[in-house]
Amino acid sequence: MTITDTISRQKTRSPRFVWTLNELSGALGDLGLFIPIVISLIAINGMNPSLLLTTFGFFFVTNGLAFGIPIPIEPMKEISAIAIANGYTADTVMLAGMFTGISILALTVTGLLTRLQRLIPISVIRGIQMGLGISLAAKGFAMIGKTPLIGFDSILLAVLSVLFIFASFRRQFPAALALVAVGAAIAVMIHPEVVRDSGFTPWTPALTLPLAANVLTSLNLSLAQIPLTLTNSLIATTGLLRTRYGDRAPSVQSIGKSVGLMSFIAPLFGGIGMCHGAGGVAAWHRFGAKTGASMIMFGAVLVGLGVFTGDFVFEIMRVFPISILGTLLLFVAFELARQSRDIRRPTDWSVVAATAIVGFAYNMLIGVLIGLLIAHLLRFREKKHN
């Protein structure tokens, strides 16, 4: 029996659910990406905070039960970024998610998604992850750089957070959970009005059809999102899950169905297009989440907050220390960059570098196309010399 077989069997026997603080802490490792997008969608695009949190929570729970491993859920980043920059209405954002969900489902059920996955070598996938890591690191440093040198939300707090996270890894301490608790305490201390002025109106479920959407704008947003969803949310995420969880990892078809169904159903109840992401997988694993329990616990928290305290949570998110969020992003970036350590050949490294740099500097779809071109040219040259 080989070492690989032994590891694979150990992963197969790993429990699907472990209810520990480390699991919950891991679920908070991706908040550096989650919170800024959600805050902006609520404040700028008019998304309902209770509906948004509740739909996210529901799908966290259902995915945790279905997969038994942490496959975090994120807002669709391309749709969100463009919509936030242009101030599009909530209905337009929701319809864009529905269009994307329908497209991903179509690619999945027709088998085109599997064929696309086979065309992309591991070096290009690692390049996607590296490019995303560079983007997140740049975002993290930019967030920290906006803070003063010393203070409750400052560069000093970011440095202390980094040291705390490094120390916690050796002791298996739930670092992200502790940092989020500290951040929330700082937010309330500096801005006590978030407790005094926030309402606690219970949420009730209702069907919310995006009838007031600008259909053409929604379609354009969806077309911008699909390439990123295919490369990062589906193909790169599947590759990272296989690295982390072996034969426990779901197929790309399962991930595609999950993304498609979430993105189609969530907007019907006031949510947005949702996807899985390699960054989220890296973050949750790095901060301690290893089983589906992390998804269920985090989802249950989101549902509870959405149902009872949606407005209050939004206010806390709005004043949460960005130095802590930026620190979390830096560790997500580090974990994504580490995935390329299985690349050995210099020629493969050239593919990783080209995909990552072009993807970061211009667009991930262009980066993938450049990486594929270089990979196939190198493969052709090798065959010719052999």
Protein backbone atom coordinates (compact mmCIF):
# COMPACT_ATOMS: atom_id res chain seq x y z
CA MET A 1 0.00 0.00 0.00
CA THR A 2 1.40 3.40 -0.96
CA ILE A 3 1.49 6.51 1.23
CA THR A 4 -1.12 8.08 -1.04
CA ASP A 5 -3.46 5.12 -0.48
CA THR A 6 -2.98 5.38 3.28
CA ILE A 7 -3.77 9.12 3.31
CA SER A 8 -6.78 8.53 1.07
CA ARG A 9 -8.17 5.88 3.43
CA GLN A 10 -7.58 8.08 6.43
CA LYS A 11 -9.50 10.89 4.76
CA THR A 12 -12.31 8.52 3.91
CA ARG A 13 -12.61 7.53 7.57
CA SER A 14 -12.53 11.16 8.75
CA PRO A 15 -15.75 12.23 10.47
CA ARG A 16 -18.21 14.38 8.54
CA PHE A 17 -19.13 16.47 11.58
CA VAL A 18 -16.97 17.58 14.54
CA TRP A 19 -18.53 20.14 16.90
CA THR A 20 -15.60 22.17 18.26
CA LEU A 21 -14.62 25.83 18.64
CA ASN A 22 -11.90 25.29 16.04
CA GLU A 23 -14.58 24.36 13.51
CA LEU A 24 -16.51 27.55 14.29
CA SER A 25 -13.32 29.61 14.23
CA GLY A 26 -12.49 28.30 10.77
CA ALA A 27 -15.89 29.49 9.59
CA LEU A 28 -14.90 33.06 10.48
CA GLY A 29 -11.64 33.02 8.52
CA ASP A 30 -13.28 34.31 5.33
CA LEU A 31 -15.00 37.34 6.89
CA GLY A 32 -12.36 39.67 5.45
CA LEU A 33 -13.92 39.05 2.04
CA PHE A 34 -17.52 38.40 3.11
CA ILE A 35 -18.19 41.46 5.27
CA PRO A 36 -17.06 44.28 2.91
CA ILE A 37 -19.12 42.90 0.02
CA VAL A 38 -22.24 42.31 2.12
CA ILE A 39 -22.02 45.76 3.74
CA SER A 40 -21.72 47.45 0.35
CA LEU A 41 -24.60 45.49 -1.17
CA ILE A 42 -26.85 46.54 1.73
CA ALA A 43 -25.73 50.18 1.95
CA ILE A 44 -25.34 50.97 -1.75
CA ASN A 45 -27.61 48.57 -3.61
CA GLY A 46 -30.45 48.42 -1.12
CA MET A 47 -30.29 44.71 -0.31
CA ASN A 48 -32.36 43.71 2.72
CA PRO A 49 -29.90 42.69 5.51
CA SER A 50 -32.27 40.17 7.10
CA LEU A 51 -33.07 38.45 3.81
CA LEU A 52 -29.42 38.46 2.73
CA LEU A 53 -28.11 36.91 5.96
CA THR A 54 -30.93 34.37 6.17
CA THR A 55 -30.52 33.06 2.63
CA PHE A 56 -26.77 32.75 3.10
CA GLY A 57 -27.30 30.93 6.37
CA PHE A 58 -29.81 28.51 4.88
CA PHE A 59 -27.45 27.46 2.11
CA PHE A 60 -24.48 27.17 4.48
CA VAL A 61 -26.49 24.66 6.52
CA THR A 62 -27.75 22.67 3.53
CA ASN A 63 -24.31 22.49 1.90
CA GLY A 64 -22.74 21.43 5.19
CA LEU A 65 -25.24 18.60 5.52
CA ALA A 66 -24.85 17.57 1.88
CA PHE A 67 -21.06 17.57 1.57
CA GLY A 68 -19.78 16.98 5.11
CA ILE A 69 -16.70 19.16 4.48
CA PRO A 70 -16.22 22.95 4.51
CA ILE A 71 -17.10 24.39 1.09
CA PRO A 72 -17.79 28.01 2.03
CA ILE A 73 -20.33 30.16 0.21
CA GLU A 74 -19.50 33.65 -1.01
CA PRO A 75 -21.28 36.45 -2.86
CA MET A 76 -20.60 36.37 -6.60
CA LYS A 77 -17.69 38.81 -6.64
CA GLU A 78 -17.81 40.11 -10.22
CA ILE A 79 -21.54 40.84 -10.07
CA SER A 80 -21.14 42.43 -6.64
CA ALA A 81 -18.15 44.58 -7.59
CA ILE A 82 -19.73 46.00 -10.75
CA ALA A 83 -23.12 46.48 -9.11
CA ILE A 84 -21.60 48.26 -6.11
CA ALA A 85 -19.46 50.51 -8.33
CA ASN A 86 -22.48 51.54 -10.41
CA GLY A 87 -25.16 51.55 -7.71
CA TYR A 88 -27.48 49.11 -9.47
CA THR A 89 -30.77 48.23 -7.77
CA ALA A 90 -31.23 45.17 -5.60
CA ASP A 91 -33.60 43.62 -8.16
CA THR A 92 -30.99 43.96 -10.91
CA VAL A 93 -28.36 42.29 -8.72
CA MET A 94 -30.72 39.45 -7.83
CA LEU A 95 -31.76 38.79 -11.44
CA ALA A 96 -28.08 38.71 -12.49
CA GLY A 97 -27.52 35.93 -9.96
CA MET A 98 -30.48 34.00 -11.34
CA PHE A 99 -29.17 34.28 -14.91
CA THR A 100 -25.75 33.01 -13.76
CA GLY A 101 -27.31 30.13 -11.84
CA ILE A 102 -29.30 29.01 -14.88
CA SER A 103 -26.16 29.16 -17.05
CA ILE A 104 -24.07 27.11 -14.61
CA LEU A 105 -26.83 24.51 -14.29
CA ALA A 106 -27.02 24.22 -18.08
CA LEU A 107 -23.25 23.70 -18.38
CA THR A 108 -23.37 21.11 -15.59
CA VAL A 109 -26.27 18.95 -16.76
CA THR A 110 -25.03 18.90 -20.38
CA GLY A 111 -21.59 17.65 -19.33
CA LEU A 112 -19.79 20.68 -20.78
CA LEU A 113 -18.43 21.59 -17.35
CA THR A 114 -16.64 18.24 -17.02
CA ARG A 115 -15.12 18.63 -20.49
CA LEU A 116 -13.94 22.12 -19.64
CA GLN A 117 -12.30 20.84 -16.45
CA ARG A 118 -10.34 18.23 -18.43
CA LEU A 119 -8.91 20.91 -20.70
CA ILE A 120 -7.33 22.86 -17.85
CA PRO A 121 -4.03 21.44 -16.47
CA ILE A 122 -3.09 21.63 -12.80
CA SER A 123 -0.51 24.37 -13.49
CA VAL A 124 -3.25 26.70 -14.77
CA ILE A 125 -5.45 25.88 -11.76
CA ARG A 126 -2.58 26.71 -9.42
CA GLY A 127 -2.08 29.93 -11.39
CA ILE A 128 -5.73 30.86 -10.81
CA GLN A 129 -5.29 30.27 -7.08
CA MET A 130 -2.02 32.21 -7.02
CA GLY A 131 -3.58 35.13 -8.90
CA LEU A 132 -6.51 35.20 -6.51
CA GLY A 133 -4.08 35.09 -3.59
CA ILE A 134 -2.18 38.08 -4.96
CA SER A 135 -5.45 39.99 -5.39
CA LEU A 136 -6.54 39.23 -1.83
CA ALA A 137 -3.13 40.17 -0.42
CA ALA A 138 -3.24 43.49 -2.27
CA LYS A 139 -6.74 44.11 -0.92
CA GLY A 140 -5.66 43.20 2.61
CA PHE A 141 -2.65 45.52 2.56
CA ALA A 142 -4.80 48.31 1.11
CA MET A 143 -7.38 47.91 3.89
CA ILE A 144 -4.71 47.96 6.60
CA GLY A 145 -2.94 50.89 4.92
CA LYS A 146 -6.04 53.07 5.30
CA THR A 147 -5.79 52.89 9.10
CA PRO A 148 -3.60 55.08 11.38
CA LEU A 149 -0.37 53.79 12.82
CA ILE A 150 -1.70 53.46 16.39
CA GLY A 151 -5.23 53.11 17.72
CA PHE A 152 -8.11 50.71 18.20
CA ASP A 153 -8.33 50.19 14.42
CA SER A 154 -4.77 50.63 13.22
CA ILE A 155 -1.66 49.18 11.65
CA LEU A 156 -0.52 48.25 15.16
CA LEU A 157 -3.73 46.21 15.68
CA ALA A 158 -3.09 44.46 12.35
CA VAL A 159 0.48 43.58 13.39
CA LEU A 160 -0.74 42.25 16.74
CA SER A 161 -3.44 40.24 14.94
CA VAL A 162 -0.83 38.67 12.63
CA LEU A 163 1.35 37.69 15.60
CA PHE A 164 -1.67 36.31 17.43
CA ILE A 165 -2.68 34.17 14.44
CA PHE A 166 0.85 32.79 14.02
CA ALA A 167 0.98 31.89 17.72
CA SER A 168 -2.46 30.27 17.59
CA PHE A 169 -1.52 27.89 14.78
CA ARG A 170 0.99 26.14 17.03
CA ARG A 171 -1.53 25.72 19.86
CA GLN A 172 -4.62 24.96 17.74
CA PHE A 173 -6.38 27.98 19.25
CA PRO A 174 -9.51 29.35 17.45
CA ALA A 175 -7.81 32.56 16.30
CA ALA A 176 -10.44 33.85 13.89
CA LEU A 177 -13.20 33.43 16.48
CA ALA A 178 -11.19 35.40 19.03
CA LEU A 179 -10.32 38.15 16.55
CA VAL A 180 -13.94 38.57 15.45
CA ALA A 181 -15.01 38.81 19.10
CA VAL A 182 -12.34 41.46 19.72
CA GLY A 183 -13.35 43.32 16.57
CA ALA A 184 -17.03 43.33 17.55
CA ALA A 185 -16.14 44.58 21.04
CA ILE A 186 -14.02 47.39 19.56
CA ALA A 187 -16.82 48.31 17.15
CA VAL A 188 -19.37 48.60 19.98
CA MET A 189 -16.94 50.46 22.23
CA ILE A 190 -16.07 53.08 19.61
CA HIS A 191 -19.61 53.29 18.20
CA PRO A 192 -22.06 52.59 21.07
CA GLU A 193 -24.86 54.01 18.93
CA VAL A 194 -25.01 50.74 16.94
CA VAL A 195 -26.53 49.10 20.03
CA ARG A 196 -28.64 52.07 21.08
CA ASP A 197 -30.14 52.92 17.67
CA SER A 198 -30.43 49.51 15.97
CA GLY A 199 -33.82 47.86 15.62
CA PHE A 200 -34.61 44.24 16.37
CA THR A 201 -37.44 43.53 13.94
CA PRO A 202 -38.10 39.79 13.40
CA TRP A 203 -37.90 38.63 9.79
CA THR A 204 -40.69 36.66 8.14
CA PRO A 205 -40.17 34.64 4.92
CA ALA A 206 -41.67 35.96 1.70
CA LEU A 207 -41.25 35.36 -2.02
CA THR A 208 -39.36 38.32 -3.57
CA LEU A 209 -39.42 38.26 -7.37
CA PRO A 210 -36.96 40.76 -8.93
CA LEU A 211 -39.65 42.28 -11.15
CA ALA A 212 -38.12 45.78 -11.16
CA ALA A 213 -34.76 44.62 -12.51
CA ASN A 214 -33.08 46.07 -15.58
CA VAL A 215 -32.95 42.83 -17.58
CA LEU A 216 -30.22 43.93 -19.98
CA THR A 217 -27.98 45.14 -17.15
CA SER A 218 -28.56 41.90 -15.25
CA LEU A 219 -27.59 39.90 -18.34
CA ASN A 220 -24.38 41.91 -18.75
CA LEU A 221 -23.52 41.37 -15.10
CA SER A 222 -24.07 37.63 -15.51
CA LEU A 223 -21.84 37.46 -18.59
CA ALA A 224 -19.07 39.18 -16.63
CA GLN A 225 -19.47 36.72 -13.74
CA ILE A 226 -19.60 33.39 -15.59
CA PRO A 227 -15.87 33.15 -16.52
CA LEU A 228 -14.82 33.80 -12.90
CA THR A 229 -17.37 31.29 -11.62
CA LEU A 230 -16.16 28.60 -14.02
CA THR A 231 -12.47 29.09 -13.23
CA ASN A 232 -12.37 29.98 -9.53
CA SER A 233 -15.66 28.82 -8.03
CA LEU A 234 -15.86 25.51 -9.87
CA ILE A 235 -12.58 24.27 -11.35
CA ALA A 236 -10.04 25.82 -8.94
CA THR A 237 -12.22 25.08 -5.92
CA THR A 238 -12.64 21.44 -6.94
CA GLY A 239 -8.88 21.12 -7.38
CA LEU A 240 -8.19 22.59 -3.94
CA LEU A 241 -10.81 20.37 -2.30
CA ARG A 242 -9.15 17.30 -3.79
CA THR A 243 -5.81 18.46 -2.40
CA ARG A 244 -7.29 18.99 1.05
CA TYR A 245 -9.83 16.19 1.35
CA GLY A 246 -8.89 13.52 -1.18
CA ASP A 247 -11.73 11.20 -2.09
CA ARG A 248 -14.11 13.05 0.26
CA ALA A 249 -14.08 15.98 -2.15
CA PRO A 250 -17.17 16.31 -4.39
CA SER A 251 -16.94 16.31 -8.17
CA VAL A 252 -17.02 19.46 -10.25
CA GLN A 253 -20.54 18.46 -11.34
CA SER A 254 -21.71 18.48 -7.71
CA ILE A 255 -20.13 21.88 -7.11
CA GLY A 256 -21.72 23.15 -10.33
CA LYS A 257 -25.18 21.98 -9.28
CA SER A 258 -24.72 23.58 -5.87
CA VAL A 259 -23.72 26.95 -7.32
CA GLY A 260 -26.45 26.83 -9.96
CA LEU A 261 -29.25 25.98 -7.54
CA MET A 262 -28.14 28.48 -4.88
CA SER A 263 -27.86 31.31 -7.38
CA PHE A 264 -31.26 30.58 -8.88
CA ILE A 265 -33.17 30.01 -5.62
CA ALA A 266 -31.63 32.61 -3.25
CA PRO A 267 -32.84 35.70 -5.21
CA LEU A 268 -36.41 34.39 -4.98
CA PHE A 269 -36.16 35.00 -1.22
CA GLY A 270 -34.22 38.28 -1.20
CA GLY A 271 -30.72 36.83 -1.58
CA ILE A 272 -28.11 37.16 -4.31
CA GLY A 273 -26.10 34.95 -6.62
CA MET A 274 -23.83 32.72 -4.53
CA CYS A 275 -20.78 30.65 -5.33
CA HIS A 276 -18.11 28.57 -3.68
CA GLY A 277 -14.53 29.80 -3.86
CA ALA A 278 -10.97 28.57 -3.54
CA GLY A 279 -10.23 31.51 -1.24
CA GLY A 280 -12.96 30.48 1.15
CA VAL A 281 -11.83 26.85 1.19
CA ALA A 282 -8.26 27.93 1.92
CA ALA A 283 -9.34 30.34 4.66
CA TRP A 284 -11.64 27.94 6.49
CA HIS A 285 -9.09 25.12 6.41
CA ARG A 286 -6.27 27.40 7.56
CA PHE A 287 -8.28 28.64 10.57
CA GLY A 288 -9.42 25.22 11.75
CA ALA A 289 -12.55 24.09 9.85
CA LYS A 290 -12.24 20.49 8.65
CA THR A 291 -15.81 19.11 8.63
CA GLY A 292 -19.35 20.00 7.64
CA ALA A 293 -20.08 21.06 11.23
CA SER A 294 -18.36 24.39 10.54
CA MET A 295 -20.81 25.09 7.71
CA ILE A 296 -23.83 24.15 9.83
CA MET A 297 -22.75 26.21 12.85
CA PHE A 298 -21.93 29.29 10.79
CA GLY A 299 -25.14 28.93 8.79
CA ALA A 300 -27.23 28.60 11.95
CA VAL A 301 -25.63 31.77 13.32
CA LEU A 302 -26.39 33.67 10.10
CA VAL A 303 -30.01 32.47 10.10
CA GLY A 304 -30.44 33.48 13.72
CA LEU A 305 -28.91 36.90 13.12
CA GLY A 306 -30.92 37.42 9.95
CA VAL A 307 -34.23 36.43 11.50
CA PHE A 308 -33.90 38.50 14.67
CA THR A 309 -31.16 41.13 14.33
CA GLY A 310 -30.47 41.86 10.66
CA ASP A 311 -30.25 45.65 11.02
CA PHE A 312 -28.09 45.39 14.15
CA VAL A 313 -25.64 43.02 12.46
CA PHE A 314 -25.36 45.36 9.48
CA GLU A 315 -24.45 48.25 11.79
CA ILE A 316 -21.78 46.12 13.52
CA MET A 317 -20.39 45.09 10.13
CA ARG A 318 -20.30 48.72 9.02
CA VAL A 319 -18.00 49.79 11.88
CA PHE A 320 -16.00 46.56 12.27
CA PRO A 321 -12.21 47.25 12.41
CA ILE A 322 -10.87 46.99 8.87
CA SER A 323 -7.38 46.24 10.19
CA ILE A 324 -8.67 42.86 11.45
CA LEU A 325 -10.51 42.17 8.19
CA GLY A 326 -7.37 43.02 6.22
CA THR A 327 -5.32 40.67 8.40
CA LEU A 328 -7.73 37.79 7.71
CA LEU A 329 -7.42 38.46 3.98
CA LEU A 330 -3.62 38.26 4.18
CA PHE A 331 -3.80 34.78 5.65
CA VAL A 332 -6.30 33.69 3.01
CA ALA A 333 -3.84 34.91 0.38
CA PHE A 334 -0.98 33.04 2.05
CA GLU A 335 -2.96 29.80 2.12
CA LEU A 336 -3.85 30.12 -1.58
CA ALA A 337 -0.24 30.79 -2.55
CA ARG A 338 0.88 27.70 -0.61
CA GLN A 339 -1.13 25.45 -2.92
CA SER A 340 1.48 25.86 -5.66
CA ARG A 341 4.10 24.00 -3.64
CA ASP A 342 3.18 20.79 -5.50
CA ILE A 343 4.45 22.33 -8.76
CA ARG A 344 7.93 20.99 -9.42
CA ARG A 345 8.99 21.61 -13.02
CA PRO A 346 10.26 25.07 -14.09
CA THR A 347 8.09 24.92 -17.22
CA ASP A 348 4.98 24.40 -15.09
CA TRP A 349 6.01 27.28 -12.86
CA SER A 350 6.11 29.53 -15.93
CA VAL A 351 2.47 28.62 -16.58
CA VAL A 352 1.54 29.33 -12.95
CA ALA A 353 3.31 32.69 -13.03
CA ALA A 354 1.83 33.78 -16.35
CA THR A 355 -1.72 32.82 -15.32
CA ALA A 356 -1.40 34.53 -11.94
CA ILE A 357 0.24 37.75 -13.12
CA VAL A 358 -2.04 38.31 -16.12
CA GLY A 359 -5.10 37.31 -14.08
CA PHE A 360 -4.17 39.77 -11.34
CA ALA A 361 -3.16 42.62 -13.63
CA TYR A 362 -5.98 42.36 -16.16
CA ASN A 363 -8.68 39.72 -15.87
CA MET A 364 -8.75 36.12 -14.68
CA LEU A 365 -10.32 34.88 -17.91
CA ILE A 366 -7.45 36.44 -19.90
CA GLY A 367 -4.99 34.93 -17.43
CA VAL A 368 -6.50 31.47 -17.91
CA LEU A 369 -6.37 31.80 -21.71
CA ILE A 370 -2.72 32.90 -21.60
CA GLY A 371 -1.87 30.08 -19.20
CA LEU A 372 -3.59 27.51 -21.40
CA LEU A 373 -1.77 28.80 -24.48
CA ILE A 374 1.64 28.57 -22.78
CA ALA A 375 0.86 25.14 -21.28
CA HIS A 376 -0.16 23.65 -24.62
CA LEU A 377 2.80 25.24 -26.45
CA LEU A 378 5.18 23.74 -23.88
CA ARG A 379 3.48 20.37 -24.18
CA PHE A 380 3.77 20.53 -27.98
CA ARG A 381 7.47 21.40 -27.71
CA GLU A 382 8.10 18.47 -25.35
CA LYS A 383 6.36 16.04 -27.69
CA LYS A 384 8.34 17.38 -30.61
CA HIS A 385 11.67 16.87 -28.80
CA ASN A 386 10.65 13.37 -27.72
